[in-house]
Amino acid sequence: MKGQLSAEMLILIVVVLAVVAIASVQLIGTAKETSENIGKHTDRLNQLTSEAVKSPEGGFCTDDEDCEKGMGCEEYRCG
């Protein structure tokens, strides 16, 4: 009859849907791992950048966080 799905066609549709579902789960897992790795690397990069831009003794600052470790900001100068 016209318009009927054969058993083989139904099995093929189910197999294709299963493959798509498995691929989707794998892609989501990979994306999650990648996102976590990017987050870790971003945090480390931010930390390194903030350490690199700290002012040395006598350098300009607006607060203690602008100065290298162990120094404070007094009258806009690290010391």
N, C-alpha and C. Protein backbone atom coordinates (compact mmCIF):
# COMPACT_ATOMS: atom_id res chain seq x y z
N MET A 1 0.83 -1.19 0.00
CA MET A 1 0.00 0.00 0.00
C MET A 1 0.87 1.25 0.00
N LYS A 2 0.31 2.26 -0.59
CA LYS A 2 1.02 3.52 -0.67
C LYS A 2 0.94 4.24 0.68
N GLY A 3 2.07 4.86 1.13
CA GLY A 3 2.05 5.64 2.36
C GLY A 3 2.38 4.84 3.60
N GLN A 4 2.57 3.56 3.48
CA GLN A 4 2.91 2.75 4.65
C GLN A 4 4.42 2.67 4.80
N LEU A 5 4.87 2.60 6.05
CA LEU A 5 6.29 2.42 6.33
C LEU A 5 6.57 0.94 6.50
N SER A 6 7.60 0.47 5.87
CA SER A 6 7.96 -0.93 6.04
C SER A 6 8.73 -1.09 7.35
N ALA A 7 8.83 -2.32 7.81
CA ALA A 7 9.55 -2.61 9.04
C ALA A 7 11.01 -2.21 8.89
N GLU A 8 11.58 -2.44 7.71
CA GLU A 8 12.98 -2.08 7.48
C GLU A 8 13.18 -0.57 7.60
N MET A 9 12.23 0.20 7.08
CA MET A 9 12.33 1.65 7.14
C MET A 9 12.23 2.13 8.59
N LEU A 10 11.36 1.55 9.38
CA LEU A 10 11.24 1.91 10.79
C LEU A 10 12.53 1.59 11.55
N ILE A 11 13.10 0.42 11.27
CA ILE A 11 14.35 0.04 11.92
C ILE A 11 15.46 1.02 11.54
N LEU A 12 15.52 1.39 10.28
CA LEU A 12 16.52 2.34 9.82
C LEU A 12 16.37 3.69 10.51
N ILE A 13 15.14 4.16 10.66
CA ILE A 13 14.88 5.44 11.34
C ILE A 13 15.32 5.36 12.79
N VAL A 14 15.02 4.26 13.47
CA VAL A 14 15.41 4.09 14.87
C VAL A 14 16.93 4.07 15.00
N VAL A 15 17.61 3.37 14.10
CA VAL A 15 19.07 3.31 14.15
C VAL A 15 19.68 4.69 13.92
N VAL A 16 19.17 5.43 12.96
CA VAL A 16 19.68 6.77 12.69
C VAL A 16 19.47 7.68 13.89
N LEU A 17 18.30 7.62 14.51
CA LEU A 17 18.03 8.43 15.70
C LEU A 17 18.96 8.05 16.85
N ALA A 18 19.23 6.76 17.01
CA ALA A 18 20.13 6.32 18.07
C ALA A 18 21.55 6.85 17.83
N VAL A 19 22.01 6.80 16.59
CA VAL A 19 23.34 7.31 16.27
C VAL A 19 23.41 8.81 16.54
N VAL A 20 22.38 9.54 16.17
CA VAL A 20 22.34 10.98 16.42
C VAL A 20 22.35 11.26 17.93
N ALA A 21 21.61 10.48 18.70
CA ALA A 21 21.57 10.68 20.15
C ALA A 21 22.93 10.41 20.78
N ILE A 22 23.59 9.33 20.35
CA ILE A 22 24.91 9.00 20.89
C ILE A 22 25.92 10.09 20.53
N ALA A 23 25.89 10.55 19.30
CA ALA A 23 26.81 11.61 18.88
C ALA A 23 26.56 12.89 19.67
N SER A 24 25.30 13.20 19.94
CA SER A 24 24.97 14.41 20.70
C SER A 24 25.52 14.33 22.11
N VAL A 25 25.37 13.18 22.75
CA VAL A 25 25.88 13.00 24.11
C VAL A 25 27.40 13.16 24.13
N GLN A 26 28.07 12.58 23.15
CA GLN A 26 29.53 12.70 23.07
C GLN A 26 29.96 14.16 22.87
N LEU A 27 29.27 14.86 22.00
CA LEU A 27 29.61 16.26 21.74
C LEU A 27 29.38 17.13 22.97
N ILE A 28 28.29 16.88 23.68
CA ILE A 28 28.00 17.65 24.89
C ILE A 28 29.08 17.41 25.94
N GLY A 29 29.49 16.15 26.10
CA GLY A 29 30.55 15.83 27.06
C GLY A 29 31.86 16.51 26.70
N THR A 30 32.21 16.47 25.44
CA THR A 30 33.44 17.12 24.98
C THR A 30 33.38 18.63 25.19
N ALA A 31 32.24 19.21 24.89
CA ALA A 31 32.07 20.66 25.07
C ALA A 31 32.20 21.04 26.54
N LYS A 32 31.66 20.21 27.42
CA LYS A 32 31.74 20.49 28.86
C LYS A 32 33.19 20.45 29.33
N GLU A 33 33.93 19.42 28.92
CA GLU A 33 35.35 19.32 29.30
C GLU A 33 36.15 20.50 28.76
N THR A 34 35.89 20.85 27.53
CA THR A 34 36.60 21.97 26.91
C THR A 34 36.31 23.27 27.65
N SER A 35 35.07 23.46 28.02
CA SER A 35 34.68 24.67 28.75
C SER A 35 35.40 24.75 30.09
N GLU A 36 35.49 23.62 30.80
CA GLU A 36 36.19 23.61 32.08
C GLU A 36 37.68 23.92 31.90
N ASN A 37 38.29 23.33 30.87
CA ASN A 37 39.71 23.60 30.61
C ASN A 37 39.95 25.06 30.26
N ILE A 38 39.08 25.63 29.46
CA ILE A 38 39.22 27.04 29.10
C ILE A 38 39.09 27.91 30.35
N GLY A 39 38.16 27.57 31.23
CA GLY A 39 37.99 28.32 32.47
C GLY A 39 39.24 28.28 33.34
N LYS A 40 39.85 27.09 33.45
CA LYS A 40 41.08 26.95 34.25
C LYS A 40 42.21 27.78 33.65
N HIS A 41 42.37 27.70 32.34
CA HIS A 41 43.44 28.45 31.69
C HIS A 41 43.20 29.96 31.77
N THR A 42 41.95 30.36 31.69
CA THR A 42 41.61 31.78 31.80
C THR A 42 41.94 32.31 33.18
N ASP A 43 41.60 31.54 34.22
CA ASP A 43 41.91 31.96 35.59
C ASP A 43 43.42 32.12 35.78
N ARG A 44 44.17 31.15 35.27
CA ARG A 44 45.63 31.21 35.40
C ARG A 44 46.20 32.40 34.63
N LEU A 45 45.68 32.64 33.44
CA LEU A 45 46.14 33.77 32.63
C LEU A 45 45.84 35.10 33.32
N ASN A 46 44.65 35.21 33.92
CA ASN A 46 44.30 36.43 34.66
C ASN A 46 45.25 36.64 35.84
N GLN A 47 45.57 35.55 36.53
CA GLN A 47 46.48 35.65 37.67
C GLN A 47 47.87 36.11 37.22
N LEU A 48 48.38 35.50 36.16
CA LEU A 48 49.70 35.88 35.67
C LEU A 48 49.72 37.32 35.16
N THR A 49 48.66 37.73 34.50
CA THR A 49 48.58 39.10 33.99
C THR A 49 48.55 40.11 35.12
N SER A 50 47.75 39.82 36.16
CA SER A 50 47.67 40.77 37.27
C SER A 50 49.00 40.88 38.00
N GLU A 51 49.74 39.77 38.09
CA GLU A 51 51.06 39.82 38.72
C GLU A 51 52.05 40.60 37.86
N ALA A 52 51.93 40.47 36.54
CA ALA A 52 52.88 41.11 35.64
C ALA A 52 52.71 42.63 35.59
N VAL A 53 51.52 43.13 35.85
CA VAL A 53 51.28 44.57 35.73
C VAL A 53 51.38 45.30 37.06
N LYS A 54 51.81 44.62 38.10
CA LYS A 54 51.98 45.29 39.40
C LYS A 54 53.15 46.27 39.31
N SER A 55 52.97 47.41 39.96
CA SER A 55 54.00 48.46 39.92
C SER A 55 55.15 48.12 40.87
N PRO A 56 56.39 48.39 40.45
CA PRO A 56 57.54 48.19 41.33
C PRO A 56 57.63 49.34 42.33
N GLU A 57 58.62 49.28 43.18
CA GLU A 57 58.82 50.35 44.16
C GLU A 57 58.99 51.69 43.45
N GLY A 58 58.24 52.67 43.89
CA GLY A 58 58.28 53.99 43.29
C GLY A 58 57.34 54.16 42.11
N GLY A 59 56.69 53.08 41.70
CA GLY A 59 55.76 53.15 40.57
C GLY A 59 54.43 53.73 40.97
N PHE A 60 53.65 54.16 39.99
CA PHE A 60 52.34 54.77 40.24
C PHE A 60 51.36 53.72 40.74
N CYS A 61 50.49 54.13 41.68
CA CYS A 61 49.44 53.25 42.19
C CYS A 61 48.27 54.08 42.69
N THR A 62 47.13 53.43 42.79
CA THR A 62 45.96 54.08 43.39
C THR A 62 45.55 53.38 44.68
N ASP A 63 45.94 52.10 44.83
CA ASP A 63 45.72 51.39 46.08
C ASP A 63 46.77 50.28 46.22
N ASP A 64 46.76 49.59 47.35
CA ASP A 64 47.79 48.58 47.64
C ASP A 64 47.82 47.44 46.62
N GLU A 65 46.69 47.13 46.01
CA GLU A 65 46.64 46.04 45.04
C GLU A 65 47.43 46.34 43.78
N ASP A 66 47.71 47.61 43.50
CA ASP A 66 48.47 47.98 42.32
C ASP A 66 49.97 47.73 42.49
N CYS A 67 50.42 47.52 43.72
CA CYS A 67 51.84 47.37 44.01
C CYS A 67 52.23 45.90 44.09
N GLU A 68 53.55 45.65 43.88
CA GLU A 68 54.07 44.29 44.02
C GLU A 68 53.89 43.84 45.46
N LYS A 69 53.99 42.53 45.68
CA LYS A 69 53.79 41.95 47.01
C LYS A 69 54.70 42.60 48.05
N GLY A 70 54.13 42.82 49.21
CA GLY A 70 54.90 43.36 50.32
C GLY A 70 54.99 44.87 50.36
N MET A 71 54.45 45.54 49.34
CA MET A 71 54.50 47.00 49.31
C MET A 71 53.09 47.56 49.40
N GLY A 72 53.00 48.77 49.91
CA GLY A 72 51.73 49.46 49.99
C GLY A 72 51.76 50.71 49.13
N CYS A 73 50.59 51.28 48.92
CA CYS A 73 50.48 52.48 48.11
C CYS A 73 50.36 53.69 49.03
N GLU A 74 51.33 54.58 48.93
CA GLU A 74 51.32 55.80 49.73
C GLU A 74 51.53 56.99 48.80
N GLU A 75 50.60 57.90 48.82
CA GLU A 75 50.65 59.11 48.00
C GLU A 75 50.89 58.75 46.53
N TYR A 76 50.15 57.79 46.04
CA TYR A 76 50.17 57.34 44.64
C TYR A 76 51.52 56.76 44.20
N ARG A 77 52.32 56.29 45.13
CA ARG A 77 53.59 55.63 44.83
C ARG A 77 53.70 54.35 45.65
N CYS A 78 54.22 53.30 45.02
CA CYS A 78 54.44 52.04 45.74
C CYS A 78 55.70 52.16 46.57
N GLY A 79 55.62 51.65 47.78
CA GLY A 79 56.80 51.72 48.63
C GLY A 79 56.67 50.90 49.86
